[in-house]
Amino acid sequence: ILTTQKNGKVIDCFVINENDQIIMVSDKGQIIRVSMKQIRIAGRSTQGVSIFKIPTGDKIVNVSRIEEIKST
């Protein structure tokens, strides 16, 4: 990921599956839950994909993966 002042620092990086979800938490306490099916795929040398617009001055401080629960 190419980081710039525009897209900021990398908070976390992990492998996900198509049916997983992520939860992002801002420094102001806003929580955003997004399905991976809603996020487009981008190449390795990009500046990332915009998932959710947060207010100016807010920052994402935590990202967590929610794994798909597979029934048996």
N, C-alpha and C. Protein backbone atom coordinates (compact mmCIF):
# COMPACT_ATOMS: atom_id res chain seq x y z
N ILE A 1 0.86 -1.17 0.00
CA ILE A 1 0.00 0.00 0.00
C ILE A 1 0.90 1.23 0.00
N LEU A 2 0.67 2.09 -0.93
CA LEU A 2 1.41 3.34 -0.98
C LEU A 2 0.74 4.33 -0.03
N THR A 3 1.44 4.74 1.02
CA THR A 3 0.85 5.68 1.96
C THR A 3 1.26 7.11 1.62
N THR A 4 0.31 8.00 1.77
CA THR A 4 0.54 9.43 1.55
C THR A 4 -0.16 10.19 2.66
N GLN A 5 -0.02 11.49 2.66
CA GLN A 5 -0.74 12.30 3.65
C GLN A 5 -2.25 12.17 3.43
N LYS A 6 -2.65 11.95 2.17
CA LYS A 6 -4.08 11.82 1.84
C LYS A 6 -4.70 10.56 2.44
N ASN A 7 -4.02 9.41 2.29
CA ASN A 7 -4.64 8.17 2.77
C ASN A 7 -4.15 7.74 4.15
N GLY A 8 -3.10 8.34 4.69
CA GLY A 8 -2.67 8.07 6.06
C GLY A 8 -1.90 6.78 6.23
N LYS A 9 -1.67 6.43 7.48
CA LYS A 9 -0.88 5.25 7.84
C LYS A 9 -1.73 3.99 7.78
N VAL A 10 -1.07 2.85 7.62
CA VAL A 10 -1.74 1.55 7.66
C VAL A 10 -2.02 1.21 9.12
N ILE A 11 -3.28 0.91 9.44
CA ILE A 11 -3.68 0.57 10.81
C ILE A 11 -3.48 -0.91 11.09
N ASP A 12 -3.84 -1.75 10.13
CA ASP A 12 -3.73 -3.20 10.30
C ASP A 12 -3.74 -3.86 8.94
N CYS A 13 -3.32 -5.09 8.90
CA CYS A 13 -3.29 -5.85 7.66
C CYS A 13 -3.51 -7.31 8.00
N PHE A 14 -4.45 -7.95 7.34
CA PHE A 14 -4.71 -9.36 7.59
C PHE A 14 -5.41 -9.99 6.40
N VAL A 15 -5.37 -11.30 6.34
CA VAL A 15 -6.02 -12.06 5.26
C VAL A 15 -7.50 -12.20 5.60
N ILE A 16 -8.34 -11.99 4.59
CA ILE A 16 -9.78 -12.12 4.79
C ILE A 16 -10.35 -13.08 3.75
N ASN A 17 -11.56 -13.53 3.99
CA ASN A 17 -12.30 -14.34 3.04
C ASN A 17 -13.47 -13.51 2.51
N GLU A 18 -13.99 -13.89 1.38
CA GLU A 18 -15.06 -13.14 0.73
C GLU A 18 -16.28 -12.94 1.62
N ASN A 19 -16.59 -13.91 2.48
CA ASN A 19 -17.79 -13.83 3.32
C ASN A 19 -17.54 -13.23 4.70
N ASP A 20 -16.31 -12.77 4.96
CA ASP A 20 -15.99 -12.12 6.24
C ASP A 20 -16.54 -10.70 6.26
N GLN A 21 -16.47 -10.10 7.44
CA GLN A 21 -16.81 -8.69 7.63
C GLN A 21 -15.67 -8.05 8.41
N ILE A 22 -15.58 -6.72 8.34
CA ILE A 22 -14.63 -6.01 9.19
C ILE A 22 -15.38 -4.96 9.99
N ILE A 23 -14.83 -4.66 11.16
CA ILE A 23 -15.36 -3.59 12.00
C ILE A 23 -14.24 -2.57 12.16
N MET A 24 -14.55 -1.31 11.86
CA MET A 24 -13.59 -0.22 12.03
C MET A 24 -14.10 0.69 13.14
N VAL A 25 -13.18 1.16 13.98
CA VAL A 25 -13.53 2.05 15.09
C VAL A 25 -12.74 3.34 14.95
N SER A 26 -13.44 4.48 15.03
CA SER A 26 -12.77 5.78 14.94
C SER A 26 -12.36 6.25 16.33
N ASP A 27 -11.46 7.23 16.35
CA ASP A 27 -11.01 7.80 17.63
C ASP A 27 -12.13 8.55 18.35
N LYS A 28 -13.23 8.82 17.67
CA LYS A 28 -14.38 9.50 18.29
C LYS A 28 -15.47 8.50 18.71
N GLY A 29 -15.19 7.19 18.55
CA GLY A 29 -16.12 6.16 19.00
C GLY A 29 -17.11 5.68 17.97
N GLN A 30 -16.99 6.15 16.72
CA GLN A 30 -17.89 5.68 15.67
C GLN A 30 -17.47 4.28 15.26
N ILE A 31 -18.44 3.38 15.10
CA ILE A 31 -18.18 2.00 14.71
C ILE A 31 -18.81 1.75 13.35
N ILE A 32 -18.02 1.17 12.44
CA ILE A 32 -18.48 0.90 11.09
C ILE A 32 -18.27 -0.59 10.82
N ARG A 33 -19.34 -1.28 10.41
CA ARG A 33 -19.25 -2.71 10.08
C ARG A 33 -19.52 -2.86 8.59
N VAL A 34 -18.60 -3.54 7.88
CA VAL A 34 -18.69 -3.65 6.43
C VAL A 34 -18.44 -5.09 6.01
N SER A 35 -19.27 -5.58 5.08
CA SER A 35 -19.07 -6.90 4.48
C SER A 35 -18.00 -6.80 3.41
N MET A 36 -17.15 -7.80 3.31
CA MET A 36 -16.10 -7.82 2.29
C MET A 36 -16.69 -7.82 0.88
N LYS A 37 -17.91 -8.31 0.74
CA LYS A 37 -18.56 -8.33 -0.57
C LYS A 37 -18.85 -6.92 -1.08
N GLN A 38 -18.84 -5.92 -0.18
CA GLN A 38 -19.11 -4.53 -0.55
C GLN A 38 -17.85 -3.78 -0.97
N ILE A 39 -16.67 -4.39 -0.81
CA ILE A 39 -15.40 -3.70 -1.07
C ILE A 39 -14.79 -4.22 -2.36
N ARG A 40 -14.46 -3.29 -3.26
CA ARG A 40 -13.88 -3.71 -4.54
C ARG A 40 -12.41 -4.11 -4.36
N ILE A 41 -11.96 -5.00 -5.21
CA ILE A 41 -10.57 -5.47 -5.21
C ILE A 41 -9.70 -4.44 -5.92
N ALA A 42 -8.51 -4.19 -5.36
CA ALA A 42 -7.56 -3.25 -5.96
C ALA A 42 -6.19 -3.92 -6.03
N GLY A 43 -5.36 -3.44 -6.92
CA GLY A 43 -4.01 -3.98 -7.07
C GLY A 43 -3.11 -3.65 -5.89
N ARG A 44 -1.94 -4.27 -5.86
CA ARG A 44 -1.00 -4.08 -4.75
C ARG A 44 -0.42 -2.68 -4.69
N SER A 45 -0.24 -2.03 -5.82
CA SER A 45 0.44 -0.73 -5.81
C SER A 45 -0.54 0.44 -5.81
N THR A 46 -1.69 0.26 -5.19
CA THR A 46 -2.68 1.33 -5.13
C THR A 46 -2.57 2.09 -3.81
N GLN A 47 -3.37 3.13 -3.67
CA GLN A 47 -3.42 3.88 -2.41
C GLN A 47 -4.61 3.43 -1.56
N GLY A 48 -5.14 2.27 -1.84
CA GLY A 48 -6.24 1.74 -1.05
C GLY A 48 -7.60 2.03 -1.67
N VAL A 49 -8.62 1.49 -1.02
CA VAL A 49 -10.01 1.64 -1.47
C VAL A 49 -10.76 2.37 -0.37
N SER A 50 -11.53 3.39 -0.74
CA SER A 50 -12.33 4.11 0.25
C SER A 50 -13.53 3.24 0.64
N ILE A 51 -13.63 2.92 1.92
CA ILE A 51 -14.70 2.06 2.42
C ILE A 51 -15.82 2.90 3.02
N PHE A 52 -15.43 3.93 3.74
CA PHE A 52 -16.41 4.74 4.46
C PHE A 52 -15.82 6.12 4.69
N LYS A 53 -16.59 7.16 4.47
CA LYS A 53 -16.14 8.53 4.72
C LYS A 53 -16.36 8.88 6.19
N ILE A 54 -15.31 9.33 6.85
CA ILE A 54 -15.44 9.78 8.23
C ILE A 54 -15.22 11.29 8.27
N PRO A 55 -15.74 11.95 9.28
CA PRO A 55 -15.59 13.41 9.36
C PRO A 55 -14.11 13.83 9.38
N THR A 56 -13.82 15.00 8.83
CA THR A 56 -12.47 15.54 8.85
C THR A 56 -11.98 15.63 10.29
N GLY A 57 -10.77 15.19 10.53
CA GLY A 57 -10.20 15.22 11.87
C GLY A 57 -10.34 13.90 12.61
N ASP A 58 -11.32 13.07 12.23
CA ASP A 58 -11.45 11.74 12.83
C ASP A 58 -10.44 10.80 12.19
N LYS A 59 -10.06 9.76 12.93
CA LYS A 59 -9.13 8.75 12.41
C LYS A 59 -9.62 7.36 12.81
N ILE A 60 -9.40 6.40 11.93
CA ILE A 60 -9.67 5.00 12.27
C ILE A 60 -8.52 4.52 13.14
N VAL A 61 -8.84 3.97 14.31
CA VAL A 61 -7.80 3.55 15.24
C VAL A 61 -7.75 2.04 15.44
N ASN A 62 -8.78 1.32 14.97
CA ASN A 62 -8.79 -0.13 15.13
C ASN A 62 -9.61 -0.75 14.01
N VAL A 63 -9.12 -1.89 13.51
CA VAL A 63 -9.83 -2.67 12.51
C VAL A 63 -9.79 -4.12 12.95
N SER A 64 -10.94 -4.79 12.95
CA SER A 64 -11.02 -6.19 13.34
C SER A 64 -11.77 -6.99 12.29
N ARG A 65 -11.40 -8.23 12.15
CA ARG A 65 -12.04 -9.14 11.19
C ARG A 65 -13.06 -9.99 11.91
N ILE A 66 -14.24 -10.15 11.30
CA ILE A 66 -15.26 -11.06 11.80
C ILE A 66 -15.34 -12.20 10.80
N GLU A 67 -14.95 -13.37 11.23
CA GLU A 67 -14.94 -14.53 10.34
C GLU A 67 -16.34 -15.03 10.07
N GLU A 68 -16.52 -15.54 8.86
CA GLU A 68 -17.77 -16.20 8.49
C GLU A 68 -17.93 -17.44 9.36
N ILE A 69 -19.12 -17.63 9.90
CA ILE A 69 -19.40 -18.83 10.70
C ILE A 69 -19.92 -19.89 9.74
N LYS A 70 -19.19 -20.98 9.66
CA LYS A 70 -19.58 -22.06 8.75
C LYS A 70 -20.39 -23.09 9.53
N SER A 71 -21.57 -23.41 9.02
CA SER A 71 -22.40 -24.42 9.67
C SER A 71 -21.97 -25.81 9.20
N THR A 72 -22.13 -26.78 10.08
CA THR A 72 -21.71 -28.15 9.73
C THR A 72 -22.88 -29.02 9.39
